[in-house]
Amino acid sequence: VQLQASGGGLVQAGGSLRLSCVASGSVSSVTEMGWYRQAPGNQRELVASISNSGTTNYGGSVKGRFTISRDSAKNAMFLQMNSLKPEDTARYYCRAKYETAWASMNFWGEGTLVTVSS
């Protein structure tokens, strides 16, 4: 599975951005997709995830501000980020959980940089 993220950029605090991630390859075995982020000096953390059934899960710091969605027909996932804060500054990575009867693994994209200025 290959993942291509886009949509990052520089935005002022209080602004919005929409990230996109498009998956290609063996996408029929992807059961869940998600967004993670990593700021310099910090560990990578969950931002939000969404299962094939549409069940979503959010990291505590983004609840109420970020919304994850998927377009299965286009093998795409989105993250609408509103009310951005300087502490949201990080590289955002998309992740696909790949599961078959004999394997389970995660695939990662290269990430897109989000910078929020104060």
N, C-alpha and C. Protein backbone atom coordinates (compact mmCIF):
# COMPACT_ATOMS: atom_id res chain seq x y z
N VAL A 1 0.85 -1.18 0.00
CA VAL A 1 0.00 0.00 0.00
C VAL A 1 0.90 1.24 0.00
N GLN A 2 0.60 2.17 -0.90
CA GLN A 2 1.34 3.43 -0.94
C GLN A 2 0.39 4.54 -0.53
N LEU A 3 0.93 5.48 0.23
CA LEU A 3 0.12 6.58 0.76
C LEU A 3 0.76 7.92 0.40
N GLN A 4 -0.05 8.82 -0.10
CA GLN A 4 0.43 10.15 -0.46
C GLN A 4 -0.40 11.19 0.26
N ALA A 5 0.25 11.91 1.16
CA ALA A 5 -0.44 12.96 1.93
C ALA A 5 -0.16 14.32 1.32
N SER A 6 -1.12 15.20 1.46
CA SER A 6 -0.96 16.56 0.96
C SER A 6 -1.86 17.49 1.75
N GLY A 7 -1.65 18.79 1.54
CA GLY A 7 -2.52 19.77 2.16
C GLY A 7 -1.91 20.56 3.30
N GLY A 8 -0.69 20.20 3.69
CA GLY A 8 -0.05 20.94 4.77
C GLY A 8 0.36 22.33 4.32
N GLY A 9 0.77 23.15 5.27
CA GLY A 9 1.21 24.48 4.95
C GLY A 9 1.33 25.33 6.18
N LEU A 10 1.47 26.63 5.96
CA LEU A 10 1.59 27.60 7.04
C LEU A 10 0.26 28.32 7.22
N VAL A 11 -0.21 28.36 8.46
CA VAL A 11 -1.49 29.01 8.74
C VAL A 11 -1.39 29.73 10.08
N GLN A 12 -2.15 30.78 10.23
CA GLN A 12 -2.17 31.51 11.50
C GLN A 12 -3.05 30.78 12.51
N ALA A 13 -2.75 31.00 13.77
CA ALA A 13 -3.57 30.41 14.83
C ALA A 13 -5.03 30.82 14.64
N GLY A 14 -5.91 29.86 14.83
CA GLY A 14 -7.33 30.08 14.61
C GLY A 14 -7.80 29.73 13.21
N GLY A 15 -6.86 29.48 12.32
CA GLY A 15 -7.20 29.16 10.94
C GLY A 15 -7.50 27.69 10.73
N SER A 16 -7.69 27.33 9.48
CA SER A 16 -8.06 25.96 9.12
C SER A 16 -7.19 25.43 7.99
N LEU A 17 -7.05 24.12 7.97
CA LEU A 17 -6.40 23.41 6.88
C LEU A 17 -7.12 22.09 6.66
N ARG A 18 -7.04 21.57 5.46
CA ARG A 18 -7.61 20.26 5.16
C ARG A 18 -6.53 19.38 4.55
N LEU A 19 -6.23 18.32 5.23
CA LEU A 19 -5.24 17.37 4.74
C LEU A 19 -5.93 16.26 3.97
N SER A 20 -5.23 15.75 2.96
CA SER A 20 -5.73 14.64 2.17
C SER A 20 -4.69 13.54 2.13
N CYS A 21 -5.16 12.31 2.05
CA CYS A 21 -4.27 11.17 1.90
C CYS A 21 -4.92 10.21 0.91
N VAL A 22 -4.20 9.88 -0.13
CA VAL A 22 -4.70 8.96 -1.13
C VAL A 22 -3.90 7.66 -1.07
N ALA A 23 -4.60 6.55 -1.02
CA ALA A 23 -3.96 5.25 -0.96
C ALA A 23 -4.01 4.57 -2.32
N SER A 24 -2.97 3.81 -2.62
CA SER A 24 -2.93 3.03 -3.86
C SER A 24 -2.28 1.68 -3.55
N GLY A 25 -2.45 0.76 -4.46
CA GLY A 25 -1.90 -0.58 -4.26
C GLY A 25 -2.97 -1.52 -3.75
N SER A 26 -2.62 -2.35 -2.78
CA SER A 26 -3.52 -3.38 -2.25
C SER A 26 -4.48 -2.80 -1.23
N VAL A 27 -5.28 -1.87 -1.66
CA VAL A 27 -6.15 -1.13 -0.74
C VAL A 27 -7.35 -1.96 -0.28
N SER A 28 -7.67 -3.04 -0.97
CA SER A 28 -8.84 -3.82 -0.59
C SER A 28 -8.67 -4.47 0.78
N SER A 29 -7.44 -4.61 1.24
CA SER A 29 -7.17 -5.22 2.55
C SER A 29 -6.91 -4.19 3.64
N VAL A 30 -7.13 -2.94 3.34
CA VAL A 30 -6.98 -1.89 4.35
C VAL A 30 -8.25 -1.84 5.19
N THR A 31 -8.12 -1.98 6.49
CA THR A 31 -9.29 -2.01 7.38
C THR A 31 -9.47 -0.72 8.15
N GLU A 32 -8.43 0.07 8.24
CA GLU A 32 -8.50 1.31 9.00
C GLU A 32 -7.46 2.28 8.47
N MET A 33 -7.78 3.55 8.52
CA MET A 33 -6.80 4.57 8.16
C MET A 33 -6.77 5.61 9.26
N GLY A 34 -5.65 6.31 9.35
CA GLY A 34 -5.55 7.29 10.41
C GLY A 34 -4.51 8.35 10.14
N TRP A 35 -4.57 9.39 10.91
CA TRP A 35 -3.60 10.48 10.89
C TRP A 35 -2.83 10.47 12.20
N TYR A 36 -1.55 10.60 12.09
CA TYR A 36 -0.66 10.74 13.24
C TYR A 36 0.19 11.99 13.02
N ARG A 37 0.75 12.50 14.08
CA ARG A 37 1.62 13.66 13.92
C ARG A 37 2.83 13.53 14.84
N GLN A 38 3.88 14.20 14.42
CA GLN A 38 5.10 14.19 15.22
C GLN A 38 5.76 15.55 15.13
N ALA A 39 5.91 16.17 16.29
CA ALA A 39 6.61 17.44 16.39
C ALA A 39 8.06 17.16 16.77
N PRO A 40 8.98 18.07 16.45
CA PRO A 40 10.40 17.86 16.80
C PRO A 40 10.57 17.58 18.28
N GLY A 41 11.28 16.51 18.60
CA GLY A 41 11.54 16.16 19.99
C GLY A 41 10.42 15.38 20.67
N ASN A 42 9.33 15.18 19.94
CA ASN A 42 8.19 14.46 20.52
C ASN A 42 7.99 13.12 19.84
N GLN A 43 7.25 12.25 20.53
CA GLN A 43 6.89 10.97 19.91
C GLN A 43 5.73 11.17 18.95
N ARG A 44 5.62 10.25 18.02
CA ARG A 44 4.49 10.29 17.11
C ARG A 44 3.22 9.95 17.90
N GLU A 45 2.16 10.72 17.64
CA GLU A 45 0.92 10.52 18.38
C GLU A 45 -0.27 10.44 17.45
N LEU A 46 -1.29 9.74 17.91
CA LEU A 46 -2.53 9.62 17.15
C LEU A 46 -3.25 10.96 17.10
N VAL A 47 -3.67 11.33 15.91
CA VAL A 47 -4.55 12.48 15.75
C VAL A 47 -5.99 12.00 15.62
N ALA A 48 -6.21 11.12 14.66
CA ALA A 48 -7.54 10.57 14.44
C ALA A 48 -7.44 9.34 13.57
N SER A 49 -8.41 8.44 13.73
CA SER A 49 -8.46 7.25 12.89
C SER A 49 -9.90 6.97 12.51
N ILE A 50 -10.07 6.22 11.43
CA ILE A 50 -11.41 5.88 10.96
C ILE A 50 -11.36 4.48 10.36
N SER A 51 -12.32 3.65 10.78
CA SER A 51 -12.37 2.28 10.29
C SER A 51 -13.20 2.20 9.02
N ASN A 52 -13.19 1.03 8.41
CA ASN A 52 -13.99 0.84 7.20
C ASN A 52 -15.48 1.01 7.48
N SER A 53 -15.88 0.75 8.70
CA SER A 53 -17.30 0.90 9.07
C SER A 53 -17.64 2.33 9.44
N GLY A 54 -16.62 3.19 9.47
CA GLY A 54 -16.87 4.59 9.77
C GLY A 54 -16.66 4.98 11.23
N THR A 55 -16.25 4.03 12.04
CA THR A 55 -15.98 4.35 13.44
C THR A 55 -14.74 5.23 13.55
N THR A 56 -14.88 6.33 14.27
CA THR A 56 -13.77 7.28 14.39
C THR A 56 -13.23 7.31 15.82
N ASN A 57 -11.99 7.72 15.91
CA ASN A 57 -11.31 7.86 17.20
C ASN A 57 -10.39 9.06 17.11
N TYR A 58 -10.41 9.91 18.13
CA TYR A 58 -9.63 11.13 18.11
C TYR A 58 -8.69 11.22 19.31
N GLY A 59 -7.54 11.81 19.07
CA GLY A 59 -6.66 12.14 20.17
C GLY A 59 -7.30 13.25 20.99
N GLY A 60 -7.00 13.24 22.30
CA GLY A 60 -7.69 14.16 23.19
C GLY A 60 -7.51 15.63 22.86
N SER A 61 -6.36 15.99 22.35
CA SER A 61 -6.07 17.41 22.14
C SER A 61 -6.77 17.99 20.91
N VAL A 62 -7.33 17.15 20.06
CA VAL A 62 -7.94 17.65 18.82
C VAL A 62 -9.44 17.46 18.79
N LYS A 63 -9.99 16.81 19.79
CA LYS A 63 -11.44 16.57 19.80
C LYS A 63 -12.20 17.88 19.74
N GLY A 64 -13.18 17.90 18.88
CA GLY A 64 -14.00 19.10 18.73
C GLY A 64 -13.44 20.10 17.74
N ARG A 65 -12.19 19.91 17.32
CA ARG A 65 -11.58 20.85 16.37
C ARG A 65 -11.26 20.18 15.03
N PHE A 66 -10.92 18.91 15.07
CA PHE A 66 -10.54 18.18 13.86
C PHE A 66 -11.62 17.16 13.52
N THR A 67 -11.80 16.91 12.23
CA THR A 67 -12.76 15.91 11.77
C THR A 67 -12.11 15.04 10.70
N ILE A 68 -12.16 13.74 10.91
CA ILE A 68 -11.61 12.79 9.95
C ILE A 68 -12.74 12.22 9.11
N SER A 69 -12.46 11.98 7.84
CA SER A 69 -13.46 11.40 6.95
C SER A 69 -12.76 10.57 5.88
N ARG A 70 -13.55 9.74 5.21
CA ARG A 70 -13.01 8.90 4.13
C ARG A 70 -13.92 8.93 2.93
N ASP A 71 -13.32 8.79 1.75
CA ASP A 71 -14.05 8.58 0.52
C ASP A 71 -13.54 7.25 -0.03
N SER A 72 -14.24 6.18 0.31
CA SER A 72 -13.76 4.85 -0.06
C SER A 72 -13.68 4.65 -1.56
N ALA A 73 -14.57 5.28 -2.29
CA ALA A 73 -14.57 5.14 -3.75
C ALA A 73 -13.29 5.68 -4.36
N LYS A 74 -12.70 6.69 -3.70
CA LYS A 74 -11.48 7.30 -4.20
C LYS A 74 -10.25 6.88 -3.40
N ASN A 75 -10.44 5.93 -2.48
CA ASN A 75 -9.34 5.48 -1.61
C ASN A 75 -8.67 6.66 -0.94
N ALA A 76 -9.46 7.58 -0.46
CA ALA A 76 -8.93 8.81 0.10
C ALA A 76 -9.42 9.02 1.52
N MET A 77 -8.62 9.72 2.28
CA MET A 77 -8.94 10.07 3.66
C MET A 77 -8.63 11.55 3.84
N PHE A 78 -9.41 12.22 4.68
CA PHE A 78 -9.24 13.65 4.86
C PHE A 78 -9.20 13.98 6.35
N LEU A 79 -8.56 15.10 6.63
CA LEU A 79 -8.57 15.62 8.00
C LEU A 79 -8.84 17.11 7.92
N GLN A 80 -10.03 17.50 8.35
CA GLN A 80 -10.38 18.91 8.43
C GLN A 80 -9.93 19.43 9.78
N MET A 81 -9.05 20.40 9.76
CA MET A 81 -8.49 20.94 11.00
C MET A 81 -8.93 22.39 11.15
N ASN A 82 -9.70 22.65 12.17
CA ASN A 82 -10.19 23.99 12.46
C ASN A 82 -9.62 24.49 13.79
N SER A 83 -9.71 25.79 13.99
CA SER A 83 -9.24 26.40 15.24
C SER A 83 -7.82 25.94 15.57
N LEU A 84 -6.97 26.01 14.58
CA LEU A 84 -5.61 25.52 14.77
C LEU A 84 -4.84 26.34 15.80
N LYS A 85 -3.99 25.65 16.53
CA LYS A 85 -3.18 26.25 17.57
C LYS A 85 -1.69 26.03 17.25
N PRO A 86 -0.83 26.88 17.77
CA PRO A 86 0.61 26.67 17.53
C PRO A 86 1.08 25.27 17.94
N GLU A 87 0.47 24.71 18.95
CA GLU A 87 0.88 23.37 19.39
C GLU A 87 0.44 22.27 18.43
N ASP A 88 -0.33 22.61 17.41
CA ASP A 88 -0.67 21.64 16.36
C ASP A 88 0.43 21.54 15.32
N THR A 89 1.43 22.38 15.43
CA THR A 89 2.54 22.35 14.49
C THR A 89 3.27 21.01 14.57
N ALA A 90 3.36 20.32 13.43
CA ALA A 90 3.98 18.99 13.38
C ALA A 90 3.97 18.51 11.94
N ARG A 91 4.67 17.42 11.72
CA ARG A 91 4.51 16.71 10.45
C ARG A 91 3.41 15.69 10.64
N TYR A 92 2.45 15.70 9.75
CA TYR A 92 1.30 14.83 9.83
C TYR A 92 1.46 13.67 8.86
N TYR A 93 1.28 12.48 9.39
CA TYR A 93 1.47 11.26 8.61
C TYR A 93 0.14 10.51 8.49
N CYS A 94 -0.11 9.97 7.32
CA CYS A 94 -1.26 9.08 7.20
C CYS A 94 -0.79 7.64 7.31
N ARG A 95 -1.65 6.83 7.89
CA ARG A 95 -1.34 5.44 8.15
C ARG A 95 -2.48 4.57 7.67
N ALA A 96 -2.15 3.45 7.06
CA ALA A 96 -3.16 2.47 6.65
C ALA A 96 -2.88 1.15 7.35
N LYS A 97 -3.90 0.61 7.97
CA LYS A 97 -3.79 -0.69 8.62
C LYS A 97 -4.22 -1.76 7.64
N TYR A 98 -3.29 -2.63 7.34
CA TYR A 98 -3.50 -3.66 6.33
C TYR A 98 -3.66 -5.01 7.03
N GLU A 99 -4.76 -5.69 6.77
CA GLU A 99 -5.00 -6.96 7.44
C GLU A 99 -5.52 -8.00 6.45
N THR A 100 -4.91 -9.19 6.51
CA THR A 100 -5.40 -10.34 5.77
C THR A 100 -5.41 -11.52 6.74
N ALA A 101 -5.76 -12.68 6.25
CA ALA A 101 -5.81 -13.87 7.10
C ALA A 101 -4.41 -14.25 7.61
N TRP A 102 -3.37 -13.79 6.93
CA TRP A 102 -2.03 -14.23 7.31
C TRP A 102 -1.08 -13.07 7.64
N ALA A 103 -1.55 -11.84 7.59
CA ALA A 103 -0.64 -10.73 7.86
C ALA A 103 -1.40 -9.54 8.40
N SER A 104 -0.72 -8.77 9.23
CA SER A 104 -1.26 -7.51 9.72
C SER A 104 -0.09 -6.54 9.83
N MET A 105 -0.20 -5.42 9.16
CA MET A 105 0.89 -4.45 9.21
C MET A 105 0.37 -3.07 8.93
N ASN A 106 1.18 -2.09 9.27
CA ASN A 106 0.85 -0.69 9.02
C ASN A 106 1.73 -0.14 7.92
N PHE A 107 1.13 0.65 7.08
CA PHE A 107 1.85 1.38 6.05
C PHE A 107 1.76 2.87 6.36
N TRP A 108 2.85 3.58 6.08
CA TRP A 108 2.93 5.00 6.40
C TRP A 108 3.27 5.81 5.15
N GLY A 109 2.68 6.99 5.07
CA GLY A 109 3.08 7.94 4.06
C GLY A 109 4.24 8.78 4.56
N GLU A 110 4.78 9.63 3.71
CA GLU A 110 5.94 10.44 4.08
C GLU A 110 5.56 11.64 4.94
N GLY A 111 4.33 12.01 4.95
CA GLY A 111 3.91 13.10 5.82
C GLY A 111 3.84 14.43 5.11
N THR A 112 3.08 15.31 5.73
CA THR A 112 2.95 16.67 5.23
C THR A 112 3.09 17.61 6.42
N LEU A 113 3.82 18.71 6.23
CA LEU A 113 4.15 19.59 7.34
C LEU A 113 3.07 20.65 7.55
N VAL A 114 2.65 20.76 8.79
CA VAL A 114 1.69 21.79 9.19
C VAL A 114 2.38 22.72 10.19
N THR A 115 2.37 24.00 9.88
CA THR A 115 2.97 24.99 10.76
C THR A 115 1.92 26.03 11.11
N VAL A 116 1.69 26.21 12.40
CA VAL A 116 0.70 27.17 12.87
C VAL A 116 1.43 28.29 13.60
N SER A 117 1.30 29.48 13.10
CA SER A 117 1.98 30.62 13.69
C SER A 117 1.07 31.32 14.70
N SER A 118 1.68 31.89 15.71
CA SER A 118 0.89 32.56 16.77
C SER A 118 0.67 34.02 16.45
